[in-house]
Amino acid sequence: MAKAGSSKTDHGSPTIWLKPPKRSRDVPALTRERIVQAAIEILDSEGQNGLTIRKLAARLNAGATSLYWHVETRDDVLELALDSVLGEIPLPTEALEWDKELVRFLTDWRQTLLRHPWSTSLFGFRPLLGPNALARSEHLRATLIRTGLSEVEVIHAGYTLSNFMLGSLATQVAWQAGNESATRARVASFLRENAAKYPSLSSQIEGEPDDWDESFSRGLSWIIRSFAAL
């Protein structure tokens, strides 16, 4: 069992979704759902490094030991929190053509994660086997099947879309972690001073896009059009 105040992430530990259910011994008024909601509140306000079992227990007015009847480690809490956030991505309420549905789904996915910037660093640290993650993955795969691509191409297409979205999102979160305008000004100044070494970058400073939504939308449309071309 991890120490109460530990914040270390163990990427090699087994995913919570493959662990056997905990024994039924609930602390009154303390449930896994309440634990996850409190964890998300801490993560949203303080980031991943701000979450500890001790701090989580204090927010719930419970002892750290009480939490261990519901979750074994801090990593379990992070995994549950991520799946809860993925549950905020709306599934379709109306039938759309496959290309329009891809735009809607990927855009909603991105907007959901932007509300929880800490979540971007958790993709890849454990398999996404939570019910919300699997439901969204199933929807993406089913939508791509409608493109008419082969089975192998559908799999690669799914990775292409998710990797593009997560990569662009991670870049945006990193730039916006501080004063974005000040950072851009410093980068522009550096490139101008080193124009001889970076001629292409320095010549395109003024045209560098600062509209993250527009940049994402354009890139996504190019990828989707390539699927249609195939």
C-alpha atoms as a PDB file:
ATOM      1  CA  MET A   1       0.000   0.000   0.000  1.00  0.00           C
ATOM      2  CA  ALA A   2       1.341   3.441  -0.909  1.00  0.00           C
ATOM      3  CA  LYS A   3       2.154   5.906   1.825  1.00  0.00           C
ATOM      4  CA  ALA A   4      -0.619   8.381   2.510  1.00  0.00           C
ATOM      5  CA  GLY A   5       1.281  11.403   1.277  1.00  0.00           C
ATOM      6  CA  SER A   6       2.954   9.764  -1.701  1.00  0.00           C
ATOM      7  CA  SER A   7       2.684  11.513  -5.061  1.00  0.00           C
ATOM      8  CA  LYS A   8       4.883   9.126  -7.040  1.00  0.00           C
ATOM      9  CA  THR A   9       3.321   7.617 -10.134  1.00  0.00           C
ATOM     10  CA  ASP A  10       4.050   3.931 -10.711  1.00  0.00           C
ATOM     11  CA  HIS A  11       3.519   3.328 -14.423  1.00  0.00           C
ATOM     12  CA  GLY A  12       4.278  -0.354 -14.028  1.00  0.00           C
ATOM     13  CA  SER A  13       1.528  -1.188 -11.558  1.00  0.00           C
ATOM     14  CA  PRO A  14      -1.582  -2.994 -12.823  1.00  0.00           C
ATOM     15  CA  THR A  15      -4.554  -0.995 -14.058  1.00  0.00           C
ATOM     16  CA  ILE A  16      -7.389  -0.727 -11.557  1.00  0.00           C
ATOM     17  CA  TRP A  17      -9.807  -2.160 -14.113  1.00  0.00           C
ATOM     18  CA  LEU A  18      -8.015  -5.523 -13.980  1.00  0.00           C
ATOM     19  CA  LYS A  19      -7.856  -5.726 -10.194  1.00  0.00           C
ATOM     20  CA  PRO A  20     -10.396  -7.849  -8.279  1.00  0.00           C
ATOM     21  CA  PRO A  21     -13.190  -5.894  -6.557  1.00  0.00           C
ATOM     22  CA  LYS A  22     -12.428  -4.651  -3.061  1.00  0.00           C
ATOM     23  CA  ARG A  23     -14.121  -6.342  -0.122  1.00  0.00           C
ATOM     24  CA  SER A  24     -17.423  -4.790   0.850  1.00  0.00           C
ATOM     25  CA  ARG A  25     -16.685  -2.649   3.886  1.00  0.00           C
ATOM     26  CA  ASP A  26     -17.768   0.851   3.068  1.00  0.00           C
ATOM     27  CA  VAL A  27     -17.090   3.719   5.394  1.00  0.00           C
ATOM     28  CA  PRO A  28     -20.424   5.528   5.953  1.00  0.00           C
ATOM     29  CA  ALA A  29     -21.020   8.252   3.348  1.00  0.00           C
ATOM     30  CA  LEU A  30     -17.704   7.512   1.625  1.00  0.00           C
ATOM     31  CA  THR A  31     -17.999   6.014  -1.844  1.00  0.00           C
ATOM     32  CA  ARG A  32     -15.695   5.608  -4.809  1.00  0.00           C
ATOM     33  CA  GLU A  33     -17.779   8.198  -6.678  1.00  0.00           C
ATOM     34  CA  ARG A  34     -17.229  10.803  -3.930  1.00  0.00           C
ATOM     35  CA  ILE A  35     -13.521  10.023  -3.853  1.00  0.00           C
ATOM     36  CA  VAL A  36     -13.216  10.490  -7.613  1.00  0.00           C
ATOM     37  CA  GLN A  37     -15.175  13.751  -7.605  1.00  0.00           C
ATOM     38  CA  ALA A  38     -13.027  15.171  -4.806  1.00  0.00           C
ATOM     39  CA  ALA A  39      -9.880  14.071  -6.643  1.00  0.00           C
ATOM     40  CA  ILE A  40     -10.978  15.852  -9.815  1.00  0.00           C
ATOM     41  CA  GLU A  41     -11.616  19.032  -7.838  1.00  0.00           C
ATOM     42  CA  ILE A  42      -8.074  18.921  -6.456  1.00  0.00           C
ATOM     43  CA  LEU A  43      -6.582  18.084  -9.834  1.00  0.00           C
ATOM     44  CA  ASP A  44      -8.445  20.921 -11.543  1.00  0.00           C
ATOM     45  CA  SER A  45      -7.266  23.467  -8.992  1.00  0.00           C
ATOM     46  CA  GLU A  46      -3.754  22.215  -8.170  1.00  0.00           C
ATOM     47  CA  GLY A  47      -2.702  19.913 -10.995  1.00  0.00           C
ATOM     48  CA  GLN A  48      -1.452  16.343 -10.781  1.00  0.00           C
ATOM     49  CA  ASN A  49       1.352  17.147  -8.342  1.00  0.00           C
ATOM     50  CA  GLY A  50      -1.185  18.618  -5.921  1.00  0.00           C
ATOM     51  CA  LEU A  51      -3.013  15.336  -5.428  1.00  0.00           C
ATOM     52  CA  THR A  52      -2.017  13.146  -2.495  1.00  0.00           C
ATOM     53  CA  ILE A  53      -4.007  10.559  -0.591  1.00  0.00           C
ATOM     54  CA  ARG A  54      -3.639  12.627   2.576  1.00  0.00           C
ATOM     55  CA  LYS A  55      -4.971  15.787   0.907  1.00  0.00           C
ATOM     56  CA  LEU A  56      -7.794  13.832  -0.706  1.00  0.00           C
ATOM     57  CA  ALA A  57      -8.788  12.328   2.638  1.00  0.00           C
ATOM     58  CA  ALA A  58      -8.783  15.771   4.253  1.00  0.00           C
ATOM     59  CA  ARG A  59     -11.104  17.150   1.573  1.00  0.00           C
ATOM     60  CA  LEU A  60     -13.495  14.261   2.249  1.00  0.00           C
ATOM     61  CA  ASN A  61     -13.222  14.677   6.028  1.00  0.00           C
ATOM     62  CA  ALA A  62     -12.033  11.094   6.245  1.00  0.00           C
ATOM     63  CA  GLY A  63      -8.918   9.265   7.353  1.00  0.00           C
ATOM     64  CA  ALA A  64      -6.450   8.126   4.721  1.00  0.00           C
ATOM     65  CA  THR A  65      -7.014   4.538   5.836  1.00  0.00           C
ATOM     66  CA  SER A  66     -10.713   4.870   5.018  1.00  0.00           C
ATOM     67  CA  LEU A  67      -9.869   5.654   1.395  1.00  0.00           C
ATOM     68  CA  TYR A  68      -7.928   2.416   1.052  1.00  0.00           C
ATOM     69  CA  TRP A  69     -11.164   0.457   1.418  1.00  0.00           C
ATOM     70  CA  HIS A  70     -12.117   1.921  -1.985  1.00  0.00           C
ATOM     71  CA  VAL A  71      -8.800   2.484  -3.799  1.00  0.00           C
ATOM     72  CA  GLU A  72      -5.386   0.942  -3.223  1.00  0.00           C
ATOM     73  CA  THR A  73      -3.059   3.634  -4.568  1.00  0.00           C
ATOM     74  CA  ARG A  74      -2.872   7.233  -5.756  1.00  0.00           C
ATOM     75  CA  ASP A  75      -2.437   5.872  -9.294  1.00  0.00           C
ATOM     76  CA  ASP A  76      -5.793   4.123  -8.967  1.00  0.00           C
ATOM     77  CA  VAL A  77      -7.357   7.469  -8.098  1.00  0.00           C
ATOM     78  CA  LEU A  78      -5.750   9.115 -11.139  1.00  0.00           C
ATOM     79  CA  GLU A  79      -6.986   6.334 -13.394  1.00  0.00           C
ATOM     80  CA  LEU A  80     -10.523   6.624 -12.044  1.00  0.00           C
ATOM     81  CA  ALA A  81     -10.425  10.411 -12.367  1.00  0.00           C
ATOM     82  CA  LEU A  82      -9.328  10.208 -16.009  1.00  0.00           C
ATOM     83  CA  ASP A  83     -12.110   7.774 -16.874  1.00  0.00           C
ATOM     84  CA  SER A  84     -14.635  10.029 -15.152  1.00  0.00           C
ATOM     85  CA  VAL A  85     -13.429  12.962 -17.261  1.00  0.00           C
ATOM     86  CA  LEU A  86     -13.718  10.881 -20.436  1.00  0.00           C
ATOM     87  CA  GLY A  87     -17.327  10.265 -19.458  1.00  0.00           C
ATOM     88  CA  GLU A  88     -17.945  13.983 -20.020  1.00  0.00           C
ATOM     89  CA  ILE A  89     -17.352  13.545 -23.763  1.00  0.00           C
ATOM     90  CA  PRO A  90     -20.872  13.406 -25.206  1.00  0.00           C
ATOM     91  CA  LEU A  91     -21.822  10.436 -27.330  1.00  0.00           C
ATOM     92  CA  PRO A  92     -23.979  11.180 -30.382  1.00  0.00           C
ATOM     93  CA  THR A  93     -27.643  12.001 -29.985  1.00  0.00           C
ATOM     94  CA  GLU A  94     -28.318  12.119 -33.723  1.00  0.00           C
ATOM     95  CA  ALA A  95     -26.993  10.301 -36.768  1.00  0.00           C
ATOM     96  CA  LEU A  96     -24.399  12.287 -38.710  1.00  0.00           C
ATOM     97  CA  GLU A  97     -22.318  11.457 -41.762  1.00  0.00           C
ATOM     98  CA  TRP A  98     -19.047   9.840 -40.696  1.00  0.00           C
ATOM     99  CA  ASP A  99     -16.851  12.864 -41.476  1.00  0.00           C
ATOM    100  CA  LYS A 100     -19.116  15.290 -39.599  1.00  0.00           C
ATOM    101  CA  GLU A 101     -19.307  12.898 -36.653  1.00  0.00           C
ATOM    102  CA  LEU A 102     -15.514  12.652 -36.495  1.00  0.00           C
ATOM    103  CA  VAL A 103     -15.267  16.442 -36.362  1.00  0.00           C
ATOM    104  CA  ARG A 104     -17.909  16.654 -33.644  1.00  0.00           C
ATOM    105  CA  PHE A 105     -16.459  13.855 -31.556  1.00  0.00           C
ATOM    106  CA  LEU A 106     -12.789  14.923 -31.749  1.00  0.00           C
ATOM    107  CA  THR A 107     -13.722  18.546 -31.072  1.00  0.00           C
ATOM    108  CA  ASP A 108     -15.794  17.600 -28.017  1.00  0.00           C
ATOM    109  CA  TRP A 109     -13.019  15.298 -26.817  1.00  0.00           C
ATOM    110  CA  ARG A 110     -10.492  18.119 -27.061  1.00  0.00           C
ATOM    111  CA  GLN A 111     -12.754  20.644 -25.305  1.00  0.00           C
ATOM    112  CA  THR A 112     -13.411  18.166 -22.502  1.00  0.00           C
ATOM    113  CA  LEU A 113      -9.711  17.629 -21.829  1.00  0.00           C
ATOM    114  CA  LEU A 114      -9.034  21.382 -21.982  1.00  0.00           C
ATOM    115  CA  ARG A 115     -11.339  21.753 -18.980  1.00  0.00           C
ATOM    116  CA  HIS A 116      -9.017  19.343 -17.145  1.00  0.00           C
ATOM    117  CA  PRO A 117      -5.462  20.130 -18.388  1.00  0.00           C
ATOM    118  CA  TRP A 118      -3.882  17.627 -15.967  1.00  0.00           C
ATOM    119  CA  SER A 119      -5.545  14.792 -17.861  1.00  0.00           C
ATOM    120  CA  THR A 120      -3.292  15.137 -20.921  1.00  0.00           C
ATOM    121  CA  SER A 121      -0.278  13.711 -19.091  1.00  0.00           C
ATOM    122  CA  LEU A 122      -2.155  10.563 -18.053  1.00  0.00           C
ATOM    123  CA  PHE A 123      -2.713   9.140 -21.526  1.00  0.00           C
ATOM    124  CA  GLY A 124      -0.369   6.214 -22.003  1.00  0.00           C
ATOM    125  CA  PHE A 125       0.556   5.615 -18.379  1.00  0.00           C
ATOM    126  CA  ARG A 126      -1.941   2.749 -18.146  1.00  0.00           C
ATOM    127  CA  PRO A 127      -4.262   1.067 -20.684  1.00  0.00           C
ATOM    128  CA  LEU A 128      -7.576   2.887 -21.074  1.00  0.00           C
ATOM    129  CA  LEU A 129      -9.887   0.121 -19.901  1.00  0.00           C
ATOM    130  CA  GLY A 130     -12.443   2.109 -17.922  1.00  0.00           C
ATOM    131  CA  PRO A 131     -16.094   1.935 -19.053  1.00  0.00           C
ATOM    132  CA  ASN A 132     -16.168   5.544 -20.277  1.00  0.00           C
ATOM    133  CA  ALA A 133     -12.895   5.194 -22.159  1.00  0.00           C
ATOM    134  CA  LEU A 134     -14.000   1.959 -23.817  1.00  0.00           C
ATOM    135  CA  ALA A 135     -17.385   3.399 -24.804  1.00  0.00           C
ATOM    136  CA  ARG A 136     -15.699   6.375 -26.519  1.00  0.00           C
ATOM    137  CA  SER A 137     -13.107   4.150 -28.185  1.00  0.00           C
ATOM    138  CA  GLU A 138     -15.894   1.885 -29.430  1.00  0.00           C
ATOM    139  CA  HIS A 139     -17.726   4.887 -30.870  1.00  0.00           C
ATOM    140  CA  LEU A 140     -14.614   6.185 -32.645  1.00  0.00           C
ATOM    141  CA  ARG A 141     -13.863   2.777 -34.123  1.00  0.00           C
ATOM    142  CA  ALA A 142     -17.491   2.263 -35.221  1.00  0.00           C
ATOM    143  CA  THR A 143     -17.521   5.679 -36.895  1.00  0.00           C
ATOM    144  CA  LEU A 144     -14.302   4.934 -38.764  1.00  0.00           C
ATOM    145  CA  ILE A 145     -15.697   1.628 -39.995  1.00  0.00           C
ATOM    146  CA  ARG A 146     -18.315   3.679 -41.858  1.00  0.00           C
ATOM    147  CA  THR A 147     -15.564   5.345 -43.919  1.00  0.00           C
ATOM    148  CA  GLY A 148     -15.152   2.192 -45.986  1.00  0.00           C
ATOM    149  CA  LEU A 149     -11.488   1.842 -45.018  1.00  0.00           C
ATOM    150  CA  SER A 150     -10.068  -1.636 -44.551  1.00  0.00           C
ATOM    151  CA  GLU A 151      -9.847  -3.127 -41.068  1.00  0.00           C
ATOM    152  CA  VAL A 152      -6.139  -2.348 -40.765  1.00  0.00           C
ATOM    153  CA  GLU A 153      -6.636   1.178 -42.099  1.00  0.00           C
ATOM    154  CA  VAL A 154      -9.411   1.795 -39.567  1.00  0.00           C
ATOM    155  CA  ILE A 155      -7.059   0.885 -36.723  1.00  0.00           C
ATOM    156  CA  HIS A 156      -4.318   3.182 -38.026  1.00  0.00           C
ATOM    157  CA  ALA A 157      -6.854   5.938 -38.654  1.00  0.00           C
ATOM    158  CA  GLY A 158      -8.021   5.768 -35.049  1.00  0.00           C
ATOM    159  CA  TYR A 159      -4.467   6.144 -33.752  1.00  0.00           C
ATOM    160  CA  THR A 160      -3.804   8.978 -36.196  1.00  0.00           C
ATOM    161  CA  LEU A 161      -6.818  10.962 -34.973  1.00  0.00           C
ATOM    162  CA  SER A 162      -6.241  10.405 -31.260  1.00  0.00           C
ATOM    163  CA  ASN A 163      -2.498  11.058 -31.513  1.00  0.00           C
ATOM    164  CA  PHE A 164      -3.093  14.277 -33.446  1.00  0.00           C
ATOM    165  CA  MET A 165      -5.657  15.506 -30.942  1.00  0.00           C
ATOM    166  CA  LEU A 166      -3.586  14.598 -27.879  1.00  0.00           C
ATOM    167  CA  GLY A 167      -0.384  15.981 -29.366  1.00  0.00           C
ATOM    168  CA  SER A 168      -1.938  19.310 -30.295  1.00  0.00           C
ATOM    169  CA  LEU A 169      -3.606  19.473 -26.903  1.00  0.00           C
ATOM    170  CA  ALA A 170      -0.378  18.770 -25.009  1.00  0.00           C
ATOM    171  CA  THR A 171       1.339  21.563 -26.941  1.00  0.00           C
ATOM    172  CA  GLN A 172      -1.459  24.000 -26.164  1.00  0.00           C
ATOM    173  CA  VAL A 173      -1.508  23.117 -22.467  1.00  0.00           C
ATOM    174  CA  ALA A 174       2.270  23.575 -22.260  1.00  0.00           C
ATOM    175  CA  TRP A 175       2.161  27.005 -23.932  1.00  0.00           C
ATOM    176  CA  GLN A 176      -0.745  28.149 -21.775  1.00  0.00           C
ATOM    177  CA  ALA A 177       0.780  26.937 -18.505  1.00  0.00           C
ATOM    178  CA  GLY A 178       2.271  30.408 -17.964  1.00  0.00           C
ATOM    179  CA  ASN A 179       1.862  33.750 -19.722  1.00  0.00           C
ATOM    180  CA  GLU A 180       1.356  32.663 -23.312  1.00  0.00           C
ATOM    181  CA  SER A 181       1.694  36.106 -24.884  1.00  0.00           C
ATOM    182  CA  ALA A 182       4.925  36.800 -22.991  1.00  0.00           C
ATOM    183  CA  THR A 183       6.321  33.408 -23.985  1.00  0.00           C
ATOM    184  CA  ARG A 184       5.475  34.016 -27.638  1.00  0.00           C
ATOM    185  CA  ALA A 185       7.192  37.417 -27.498  1.00  0.00           C
ATOM    186  CA  ARG A 186      10.367  35.887 -26.045  1.00  0.00           C
ATOM    187  CA  VAL A 187      10.402  33.113 -28.654  1.00  0.00           C
ATOM    188  CA  ALA A 188       9.901  35.621 -31.478  1.00  0.00           C
ATOM    189  CA  SER A 189      12.738  37.780 -30.160  1.00  0.00           C
ATOM    190  CA  PHE A 190      15.048  34.769 -29.891  1.00  0.00           C
ATOM    191  CA  LEU A 191      14.322  33.659 -33.465  1.00  0.00           C
ATOM    192  CA  ARG A 192      14.916  37.163 -34.847  1.00  0.00           C
ATOM    193  CA  GLU A 193      18.257  37.311 -33.072  1.00  0.00           C
ATOM    194  CA  ASN A 194      19.171  33.923 -34.541  1.00  0.00           C
ATOM    195  CA  ALA A 195      17.712  34.410 -38.014  1.00  0.00           C
ATOM    196  CA  ALA A 196      20.921  33.250 -39.700  1.00  0.00           C
ATOM    197  CA  LYS A 197      20.688  29.893 -37.934  1.00  0.00           C
ATOM    198  CA  TYR A 198      16.899  29.501 -38.287  1.00  0.00           C
ATOM    199  CA  PRO A 199      15.977  31.391 -41.484  1.00  0.00           C
ATOM    200  CA  SER A 200      12.686  29.605 -42.169  1.00  0.00           C
ATOM    201  CA  LEU A 201      11.403  29.925 -38.592  1.00  0.00           C
ATOM    202  CA  SER A 202      12.431  33.556 -38.219  1.00  0.00           C
ATOM    203  CA  SER A 203      10.841  34.556 -41.541  1.00  0.00           C
ATOM    204  CA  GLN A 204       7.490  33.080 -40.511  1.00  0.00           C
ATOM    205  CA  ILE A 205       7.215  34.560 -37.014  1.00  0.00           C
ATOM    206  CA  GLU A 206       4.438  36.973 -37.904  1.00  0.00           C
ATOM    207  CA  GLY A 207       2.412  34.209 -39.536  1.00  0.00           C
ATOM    208  CA  GLU A 208       2.678  31.831 -36.592  1.00  0.00           C
ATOM    209  CA  PRO A 209      -0.932  30.938 -35.648  1.00  0.00           C
ATOM    210  CA  ASP A 210      -2.049  31.821 -32.140  1.00  0.00           C
ATOM    211  CA  ASP A 211      -5.616  30.562 -32.545  1.00  0.00           C
ATOM    212  CA  TRP A 212      -5.468  27.050 -31.119  1.00  0.00           C
ATOM    213  CA  ASP A 213      -9.033  26.191 -32.163  1.00  0.00           C
ATOM    214  CA  GLU A 214      -8.419  27.206 -35.775  1.00  0.00           C
ATOM    215  CA  SER A 215      -5.130  25.326 -35.955  1.00  0.00           C
ATOM    216  CA  PHE A 216      -6.749  22.157 -34.583  1.00  0.00           C
ATOM    217  CA  SER A 217      -9.752  22.471 -36.899  1.00  0.00           C
ATOM    218  CA  ARG A 218      -7.574  22.813 -39.989  1.00  0.00           C
ATOM    219  CA  GLY A 219      -5.356  19.878 -39.095  1.00  0.00           C
ATOM    220  CA  LEU A 220      -8.345  17.684 -38.333  1.00  0.00           C
ATOM    221  CA  SER A 221      -9.997  18.555 -41.644  1.00  0.00           C
ATOM    222  CA  TRP A 222      -6.828  17.610 -43.547  1.00  0.00           C
ATOM    223  CA  ILE A 223      -6.678  14.226 -41.839  1.00  0.00           C
ATOM    224  CA  ILE A 224     -10.346  13.491 -42.455  1.00  0.00           C
ATOM    225  CA  ARG A 225     -10.063  14.495 -46.117  1.00  0.00           C
ATOM    226  CA  SER A 226      -7.177  12.030 -46.484  1.00  0.00           C
ATOM    227  CA  PHE A 227      -9.499   9.264 -45.259  1.00  0.00           C
ATOM    228  CA  ALA A 228     -12.037  10.201 -47.937  1.00  0.00           C
ATOM    229  CA  ALA A 229      -9.307  10.184 -50.574  1.00  0.00           C
ATOM    230  CA  LEU A 230      -8.354   6.637 -49.637  1.00  0.00           C
END
